[in-house]
């Protein structure tokens, strides 16, 4: 089943079950998806599951930053709401690779591309994205690739 259909079905299920917090988070996801689709119309690009997964990953970081700010501002109820939204978003993401698996994947990509310096970082990142897609957090992986190629 496509991720878009999974999201729609999850919204219906949450609505029927009366899970207001989950329903609210899923509606936020679907609104962001609709916005992404509208922005893509001008380019003629269709939104695939991989694009949706990237969008979902992108929705987590601002919430993590908001949690930190809410905790500083002594607003634990708002921080808890953001944490609940993150849990819902993460529920639609595939399981990520462990730290050891990520390191092994980076080493394998460096070896397969023949990368030897930071100039080859783009090739390594492209190989990792093609091989592992949404299972990797590309920001953390990029930092690891950088240290491996610099050292």
N, C-alpha and C. Protein backbone atom coordinates (compact mmCIF):
# COMPACT_ATOMS: atom_id res chain seq x y z
N UNK A 1 0.84 -1.18 0.00
CA UNK A 1 0.00 0.00 0.00
C UNK A 1 0.88 1.24 0.00
N UNK A 2 0.52 2.21 -0.78
CA UNK A 2 1.28 3.45 -0.85
C UNK A 2 1.19 4.20 0.48
N UNK A 3 2.22 4.95 0.78
CA UNK A 3 2.28 5.69 2.04
C UNK A 3 1.13 6.69 2.16
N UNK A 4 0.76 7.30 1.07
CA UNK A 4 -0.34 8.26 1.07
C UNK A 4 -1.64 7.58 1.52
N UNK A 5 -1.88 6.37 1.01
CA UNK A 5 -3.08 5.61 1.41
C UNK A 5 -2.99 5.19 2.87
N UNK A 6 -1.80 4.84 3.32
CA UNK A 6 -1.60 4.47 4.72
C UNK A 6 -1.94 5.64 5.63
N UNK A 7 -1.52 6.84 5.24
CA UNK A 7 -1.82 8.03 6.02
C UNK A 7 -3.32 8.30 6.07
N UNK A 8 -3.97 8.17 4.93
CA UNK A 8 -5.42 8.40 4.87
C UNK A 8 -6.17 7.38 5.72
N UNK A 9 -5.76 6.11 5.62
CA UNK A 9 -6.40 5.07 6.42
C UNK A 9 -6.17 5.31 7.92
N UNK A 10 -4.97 5.74 8.28
CA UNK A 10 -4.67 6.03 9.68
C UNK A 10 -5.53 7.18 10.19
N UNK A 11 -5.78 8.17 9.34
CA UNK A 11 -6.63 9.28 9.74
C UNK A 11 -8.05 8.79 10.00
N UNK A 12 -8.55 7.96 9.11
CA UNK A 12 -9.91 7.42 9.28
C UNK A 12 -10.00 6.59 10.56
N UNK A 13 -9.00 5.78 10.80
CA UNK A 13 -8.99 4.94 12.00
C UNK A 13 -8.96 5.79 13.26
N UNK A 14 -8.12 6.82 13.29
CA UNK A 14 -8.02 7.70 14.45
C UNK A 14 -9.33 8.45 14.66
N UNK A 15 -9.98 8.84 13.57
CA UNK A 15 -11.25 9.54 13.66
C UNK A 15 -12.32 8.64 14.28
N UNK A 16 -12.40 7.42 13.79
CA UNK A 16 -13.39 6.47 14.31
C UNK A 16 -13.13 6.09 15.76
N UNK A 17 -11.85 6.01 16.13
CA UNK A 17 -11.49 5.61 17.49
C UNK A 17 -11.54 6.78 18.46
N UNK A 18 -11.72 7.99 17.96
CA UNK A 18 -11.78 9.16 18.83
C UNK A 18 -10.43 9.57 19.39
N UNK A 19 -9.35 9.22 18.70
CA UNK A 19 -8.00 9.58 19.14
C UNK A 19 -7.67 10.98 18.63
N UNK A 20 -8.07 11.99 19.37
CA UNK A 20 -7.97 13.36 18.89
C UNK A 20 -6.54 13.83 18.66
N UNK A 21 -5.63 13.46 19.56
CA UNK A 21 -4.24 13.91 19.40
C UNK A 21 -3.60 13.27 18.17
N UNK A 22 -3.82 11.97 18.00
CA UNK A 22 -3.28 11.27 16.83
C UNK A 22 -3.90 11.82 15.55
N UNK A 23 -5.19 12.05 15.58
CA UNK A 23 -5.89 12.59 14.42
C UNK A 23 -5.33 13.96 14.04
N UNK A 24 -5.10 14.79 15.03
CA UNK A 24 -4.54 16.12 14.79
C UNK A 24 -3.17 16.03 14.13
N UNK A 25 -2.32 15.12 14.62
CA UNK A 25 -0.98 14.97 14.06
C UNK A 25 -1.04 14.45 12.62
N UNK A 26 -1.93 13.51 12.37
CA UNK A 26 -2.05 12.96 11.02
C UNK A 26 -2.58 14.02 10.06
N UNK A 27 -3.49 14.84 10.54
CA UNK A 27 -3.99 15.93 9.70
C UNK A 27 -2.88 16.93 9.37
N UNK A 28 -1.99 17.17 10.33
CA UNK A 28 -0.84 18.03 10.05
C UNK A 28 0.04 17.43 8.96
N UNK A 29 0.25 16.12 9.04
CA UNK A 29 1.06 15.43 8.03
C UNK A 29 0.40 15.55 6.66
N UNK A 30 -0.90 15.30 6.60
CA UNK A 30 -1.61 15.36 5.32
C UNK A 30 -1.64 16.78 4.76
N UNK A 31 -1.74 17.78 5.64
CA UNK A 31 -1.69 19.18 5.18
C UNK A 31 -0.33 19.50 4.59
N UNK A 32 0.73 19.03 5.25
CA UNK A 32 2.09 19.25 4.73
C UNK A 32 2.26 18.52 3.40
N UNK A 33 1.70 17.32 3.28
CA UNK A 33 1.77 16.58 2.03
C UNK A 33 1.05 17.33 0.92
N UNK A 34 -0.11 17.87 1.20
CA UNK A 34 -0.87 18.64 0.20
C UNK A 34 -0.06 19.86 -0.23
N UNK A 35 0.56 20.53 0.73
CA UNK A 35 1.40 21.69 0.42
C UNK A 35 2.58 21.29 -0.46
N UNK A 36 3.20 20.15 -0.16
CA UNK A 36 4.31 19.64 -0.96
C UNK A 36 3.86 19.33 -2.38
N UNK A 37 2.68 18.73 -2.50
CA UNK A 37 2.14 18.41 -3.83
C UNK A 37 1.86 19.67 -4.63
N UNK A 38 1.31 20.68 -3.99
CA UNK A 38 1.02 21.95 -4.67
C UNK A 38 2.30 22.59 -5.16
N UNK A 39 3.34 22.57 -4.33
CA UNK A 39 4.63 23.15 -4.73
C UNK A 39 5.26 22.37 -5.87
N UNK A 40 5.01 21.07 -5.92
CA UNK A 40 5.61 20.23 -6.97
C UNK A 40 4.87 20.35 -8.29
N UNK A 41 3.65 20.83 -8.28
CA UNK A 41 2.87 20.93 -9.53
C UNK A 41 3.57 21.77 -10.58
N UNK A 42 4.16 22.85 -10.16
CA UNK A 42 4.82 23.74 -11.11
C UNK A 42 6.01 23.10 -11.80
N UNK A 43 6.62 22.14 -11.15
CA UNK A 43 7.80 21.49 -11.72
C UNK A 43 7.43 20.25 -12.53
N UNK A 44 6.19 19.81 -12.41
CA UNK A 44 5.76 18.61 -13.13
C UNK A 44 6.18 17.32 -12.45
N UNK A 45 6.75 17.42 -11.25
CA UNK A 45 7.22 16.26 -10.53
C UNK A 45 6.07 15.65 -9.72
N UNK A 46 6.01 14.33 -9.70
CA UNK A 46 5.02 13.67 -8.87
C UNK A 46 5.66 13.29 -7.54
N UNK A 47 4.86 13.29 -6.50
CA UNK A 47 5.35 12.98 -5.17
C UNK A 47 5.29 11.47 -4.96
N UNK A 48 6.45 10.88 -4.75
CA UNK A 48 6.56 9.44 -4.52
C UNK A 48 6.69 9.18 -3.02
N UNK A 49 6.65 7.90 -2.64
CA UNK A 49 6.79 7.54 -1.24
C UNK A 49 8.11 8.03 -0.65
N UNK A 50 9.18 7.98 -1.42
CA UNK A 50 10.48 8.45 -0.93
C UNK A 50 10.42 9.94 -0.59
N UNK A 51 9.69 10.71 -1.41
CA UNK A 51 9.54 12.14 -1.13
C UNK A 51 8.73 12.36 0.14
N UNK A 52 7.72 11.53 0.34
CA UNK A 52 6.90 11.65 1.55
C UNK A 52 7.73 11.31 2.79
N UNK A 53 8.58 10.30 2.68
CA UNK A 53 9.44 9.95 3.81
C UNK A 53 10.41 11.08 4.14
N UNK A 54 10.96 11.71 3.12
CA UNK A 54 11.83 12.87 3.36
C UNK A 54 11.06 14.00 4.02
N UNK A 55 9.83 14.22 3.57
CA UNK A 55 8.98 15.25 4.15
C UNK A 55 8.73 14.95 5.63
N UNK A 56 8.43 13.69 5.94
CA UNK A 56 8.18 13.30 7.33
C UNK A 56 9.41 13.52 8.19
N UNK A 57 10.59 13.13 7.68
CA UNK A 57 11.82 13.36 8.43
C UNK A 57 12.02 14.86 8.68
N UNK A 58 11.69 15.66 7.68
CA UNK A 58 11.84 17.11 7.81
C UNK A 58 10.88 17.72 8.81
N UNK A 59 9.78 17.04 9.09
CA UNK A 59 8.80 17.55 10.05
C UNK A 59 9.25 17.32 11.49
N UNK A 60 10.22 16.46 11.70
CA UNK A 60 10.63 16.13 13.06
C UNK A 60 11.54 17.19 13.67
N UNK A 61 12.50 17.67 12.90
CA UNK A 61 13.50 18.59 13.45
C UNK A 61 12.89 19.87 14.04
N UNK A 62 11.96 20.55 13.34
CA UNK A 62 11.38 21.75 13.96
C UNK A 62 10.64 21.45 15.26
N UNK A 63 10.06 20.27 15.35
CA UNK A 63 9.36 19.90 16.57
C UNK A 63 10.35 19.66 17.70
N UNK A 64 11.50 19.06 17.38
CA UNK A 64 12.52 18.86 18.41
C UNK A 64 13.04 20.20 18.93
N UNK A 65 13.21 21.15 18.01
CA UNK A 65 13.66 22.48 18.42
C UNK A 65 12.60 23.16 19.28
N UNK A 66 11.34 22.99 18.91
CA UNK A 66 10.25 23.59 19.69
C UNK A 66 10.19 22.98 21.09
N UNK A 67 10.43 21.67 21.18
CA UNK A 67 10.43 21.02 22.50
C UNK A 67 11.46 21.66 23.41
N UNK A 68 12.65 21.88 22.88
CA UNK A 68 13.71 22.50 23.68
C UNK A 68 13.29 23.90 24.14
N UNK A 69 12.69 24.67 23.25
CA UNK A 69 12.25 26.01 23.61
C UNK A 69 11.11 25.99 24.63
N UNK A 70 10.19 25.06 24.47
CA UNK A 70 9.09 24.95 25.43
C UNK A 70 9.60 24.54 26.80
N UNK A 71 10.58 23.67 26.83
CA UNK A 71 11.14 23.25 28.13
C UNK A 71 11.87 24.43 28.79
N UNK A 72 12.59 25.23 27.99
CA UNK A 72 13.26 26.42 28.53
C UNK A 72 12.24 27.42 29.07
N UNK A 73 11.11 27.52 28.36
CA UNK A 73 10.08 28.47 28.76
C UNK A 73 9.12 27.92 29.80
N UNK A 74 9.45 26.76 30.37
CA UNK A 74 8.63 26.13 31.39
C UNK A 74 7.20 25.88 30.91
N UNK A 75 7.09 25.31 29.70
CA UNK A 75 5.79 24.97 29.12
C UNK A 75 5.75 23.47 28.80
N UNK A 76 5.77 22.62 29.83
CA UNK A 76 5.85 21.18 29.60
C UNK A 76 4.66 20.61 28.82
N UNK A 77 3.48 21.21 28.96
CA UNK A 77 2.31 20.70 28.24
C UNK A 77 2.47 20.86 26.73
N UNK A 78 3.08 21.95 26.30
CA UNK A 78 3.32 22.16 24.87
C UNK A 78 4.44 21.24 24.37
N UNK A 79 5.45 21.03 25.21
CA UNK A 79 6.54 20.11 24.84
C UNK A 79 5.99 18.69 24.67
N UNK A 80 5.09 18.29 25.56
CA UNK A 80 4.50 16.96 25.46
C UNK A 80 3.67 16.81 24.19
N UNK A 81 2.99 17.87 23.80
CA UNK A 81 2.19 17.83 22.56
C UNK A 81 3.11 17.62 21.35
N UNK A 82 4.22 18.34 21.32
CA UNK A 82 5.19 18.19 20.24
C UNK A 82 5.78 16.78 20.23
N UNK A 83 6.08 16.25 21.41
CA UNK A 83 6.62 14.89 21.50
C UNK A 83 5.62 13.87 20.98
N UNK A 84 4.35 14.08 21.28
CA UNK A 84 3.32 13.16 20.78
C UNK A 84 3.24 13.22 19.25
N UNK A 85 3.37 14.41 18.69
CA UNK A 85 3.36 14.55 17.23
C UNK A 85 4.56 13.83 16.61
N UNK A 86 5.71 13.95 17.25
CA UNK A 86 6.91 13.26 16.74
C UNK A 86 6.69 11.75 16.75
N UNK A 87 6.09 11.23 17.82
CA UNK A 87 5.84 9.79 17.88
C UNK A 87 4.92 9.34 16.75
N UNK A 88 3.91 10.14 16.43
CA UNK A 88 3.00 9.79 15.33
C UNK A 88 3.75 9.82 14.01
N UNK A 89 4.54 10.86 13.79
CA UNK A 89 5.31 10.98 12.55
C UNK A 89 6.27 9.81 12.41
N UNK A 90 6.99 9.50 13.49
CA UNK A 90 7.95 8.40 13.44
C UNK A 90 7.27 7.06 13.18
N UNK A 91 6.00 6.94 13.54
CA UNK A 91 5.26 5.72 13.29
C UNK A 91 5.09 5.40 11.81
N UNK A 92 5.21 6.42 10.96
CA UNK A 92 5.08 6.23 9.52
C UNK A 92 6.43 6.07 8.83
N UNK A 93 7.51 6.25 9.59
CA UNK A 93 8.86 6.11 9.02
C UNK A 93 9.34 4.68 9.18
N UNK A 94 10.13 4.20 8.22
CA UNK A 94 10.70 2.86 8.38
C UNK A 94 11.73 2.87 9.51
N UNK A 95 11.97 1.70 10.04
CA UNK A 95 12.98 1.60 11.11
C UNK A 95 14.33 2.03 10.56
N UNK A 96 15.01 2.86 11.31
CA UNK A 96 16.31 3.34 10.88
C UNK A 96 17.40 2.32 11.15
N UNK A 97 18.56 2.56 10.58
CA UNK A 97 19.70 1.68 10.81
C UNK A 97 20.34 2.03 12.15
N UNK A 98 20.89 1.03 12.79
CA UNK A 98 21.62 1.27 14.04
C UNK A 98 22.91 2.02 13.72
N UNK A 99 23.59 2.45 14.76
CA UNK A 99 24.85 3.17 14.56
C UNK A 99 25.89 2.28 13.88
N UNK A 100 25.94 1.01 14.29
CA UNK A 100 26.89 0.07 13.67
C UNK A 100 26.53 -0.17 12.20
N UNK A 101 25.24 -0.34 11.92
CA UNK A 101 24.81 -0.58 10.55
C UNK A 101 25.09 0.64 9.68
N UNK A 102 24.88 1.83 10.24
CA UNK A 102 25.16 3.06 9.49
C UNK A 102 26.64 3.16 9.17
N UNK A 103 27.48 2.89 10.16
CA UNK A 103 28.93 2.93 9.94
C UNK A 103 29.35 1.93 8.88
N UNK A 104 28.80 0.72 8.95
CA UNK A 104 29.12 -0.30 7.95
C UNK A 104 28.66 0.12 6.56
N UNK A 105 27.48 0.74 6.48
CA UNK A 105 26.95 1.19 5.19
C UNK A 105 27.84 2.30 4.61
N UNK A 106 28.28 3.21 5.46
CA UNK A 106 29.17 4.29 5.01
C UNK A 106 30.48 3.72 4.50
N UNK A 107 31.07 2.80 5.26
CA UNK A 107 32.34 2.19 4.83
C UNK A 107 32.17 1.45 3.51
N UNK A 108 31.06 0.74 3.36
CA UNK A 108 30.81 0.01 2.11
C UNK A 108 30.62 0.97 0.94
N UNK A 109 29.93 2.08 1.17
CA UNK A 109 29.72 3.05 0.10
C UNK A 109 31.02 3.73 -0.30
N UNK A 110 31.86 4.02 0.66
CA UNK A 110 33.16 4.63 0.36
C UNK A 110 34.00 3.65 -0.47
N UNK A 111 33.98 2.39 -0.08
CA UNK A 111 34.75 1.38 -0.81
C UNK A 111 34.19 1.17 -2.22
N UNK A 112 32.87 1.10 -2.35
CA UNK A 112 32.27 0.83 -3.67
C UNK A 112 32.43 2.00 -4.64
N UNK A 113 32.48 3.22 -4.12
CA UNK A 113 32.64 4.38 -5.01
C UNK A 113 34.09 4.73 -5.23
N UNK A 114 34.97 4.16 -4.44
CA UNK A 114 36.40 4.47 -4.57
C UNK A 114 36.73 5.87 -4.06
N UNK A 115 35.92 6.38 -3.16
CA UNK A 115 36.10 7.73 -2.64
C UNK A 115 37.38 7.79 -1.80
N UNK A 116 38.11 8.92 -1.98
CA UNK A 116 39.35 9.05 -1.24
C UNK A 116 39.51 10.42 -0.58
N UNK A 117 38.63 11.36 -0.94
CA UNK A 117 38.74 12.70 -0.34
C UNK A 117 37.35 13.30 -0.19
N UNK A 118 37.32 14.47 0.42
CA UNK A 118 36.04 15.15 0.63
C UNK A 118 35.36 15.52 -0.69
N UNK A 119 36.15 15.63 -1.75
CA UNK A 119 35.56 15.95 -3.07
C UNK A 119 34.64 14.83 -3.55
N UNK A 120 34.82 13.63 -3.03
CA UNK A 120 34.03 12.47 -3.42
C UNK A 120 32.79 12.28 -2.54
N UNK A 121 32.56 13.20 -1.63
CA UNK A 121 31.45 13.05 -0.68
C UNK A 121 30.11 12.92 -1.39
N UNK A 122 29.90 13.67 -2.44
CA UNK A 122 28.64 13.62 -3.19
C UNK A 122 28.36 12.25 -3.75
N UNK A 123 29.40 11.61 -4.28
CA UNK A 123 29.23 10.25 -4.83
C UNK A 123 28.85 9.27 -3.73
N UNK A 124 29.50 9.40 -2.59
CA UNK A 124 29.22 8.49 -1.47
C UNK A 124 27.79 8.69 -0.97
N UNK A 125 27.39 9.95 -0.82
CA UNK A 125 26.03 10.24 -0.33
C UNK A 125 24.99 9.73 -1.32
N UNK A 126 25.24 9.90 -2.60
CA UNK A 126 24.30 9.41 -3.62
C UNK A 126 24.19 7.89 -3.55
N UNK A 127 25.31 7.21 -3.36
CA UNK A 127 25.29 5.74 -3.25
C UNK A 127 24.52 5.30 -2.00
N UNK A 128 24.72 6.01 -0.91
CA UNK A 128 24.00 5.68 0.33
C UNK A 128 22.50 5.91 0.17
N UNK A 129 22.14 7.00 -0.45
CA UNK A 129 20.72 7.30 -0.64
C UNK A 129 20.06 6.26 -1.55
N UNK A 130 20.77 5.86 -2.59
CA UNK A 130 20.22 4.86 -3.50
C UNK A 130 20.09 3.51 -2.82
N UNK A 131 21.05 3.17 -1.98
CA UNK A 131 21.06 1.85 -1.33
C UNK A 131 20.11 1.77 -0.14
N UNK A 132 20.08 2.82 0.68
CA UNK A 132 19.35 2.74 1.94
C UNK A 132 18.17 3.70 2.04
N UNK A 133 18.10 4.68 1.17
CA UNK A 133 16.95 5.59 1.13
C UNK A 133 16.60 6.21 2.46
N UNK A 134 15.35 6.02 2.85
CA UNK A 134 14.82 6.68 4.05
C UNK A 134 15.25 6.03 5.35
N UNK A 135 15.96 4.93 5.30
CA UNK A 135 16.40 4.26 6.52
C UNK A 135 17.55 5.02 7.18
N UNK A 136 18.15 5.94 6.45
CA UNK A 136 19.27 6.72 6.98
C UNK A 136 18.84 8.15 7.27
N UNK A 137 19.35 8.69 8.35
CA UNK A 137 19.22 10.11 8.62
C UNK A 137 20.39 10.76 7.89
N UNK A 138 20.10 11.40 6.78
CA UNK A 138 21.17 11.89 5.92
C UNK A 138 22.04 12.96 6.57
N UNK A 139 21.50 13.73 7.51
CA UNK A 139 22.31 14.74 8.19
C UNK A 139 23.39 14.07 9.04
N UNK A 140 23.01 13.08 9.82
CA UNK A 140 23.99 12.37 10.65
C UNK A 140 24.95 11.56 9.78
N UNK A 141 24.41 10.95 8.74
CA UNK A 141 25.24 10.15 7.85
C UNK A 141 26.26 11.03 7.13
N UNK A 142 25.83 12.22 6.72
CA UNK A 142 26.74 13.15 6.05
C UNK A 142 27.92 13.52 6.93
N UNK A 143 27.65 13.74 8.21
CA UNK A 143 28.73 14.06 9.15
C UNK A 143 29.70 12.89 9.28
N UNK A 144 29.16 11.67 9.31
CA UNK A 144 30.01 10.49 9.41
C UNK A 144 30.86 10.31 8.14
N UNK A 145 30.24 10.51 6.98
CA UNK A 145 30.97 10.40 5.72
C UNK A 145 32.11 11.42 5.69
N UNK A 146 31.80 12.62 6.13
CA UNK A 146 32.79 13.70 6.14
C UNK A 146 33.99 13.34 7.01
N UNK A 147 33.74 12.82 8.20
CA UNK A 147 34.85 12.45 9.07
C UNK A 147 35.65 11.28 8.51
N UNK A 148 34.96 10.34 7.88
CA UNK A 148 35.65 9.19 7.29
C UNK A 148 36.54 9.62 6.13
N UNK A 149 36.05 10.52 5.31
CA UNK A 149 36.82 10.96 4.13
C UNK A 149 37.93 11.94 4.51
N UNK A 150 37.72 12.69 5.58
CA UNK A 150 38.74 13.66 5.99
C UNK A 150 39.90 12.96 6.71
N UNK A 151 39.61 11.84 7.34
CA UNK A 151 40.63 11.16 8.14
C UNK A 151 41.44 10.25 7.39
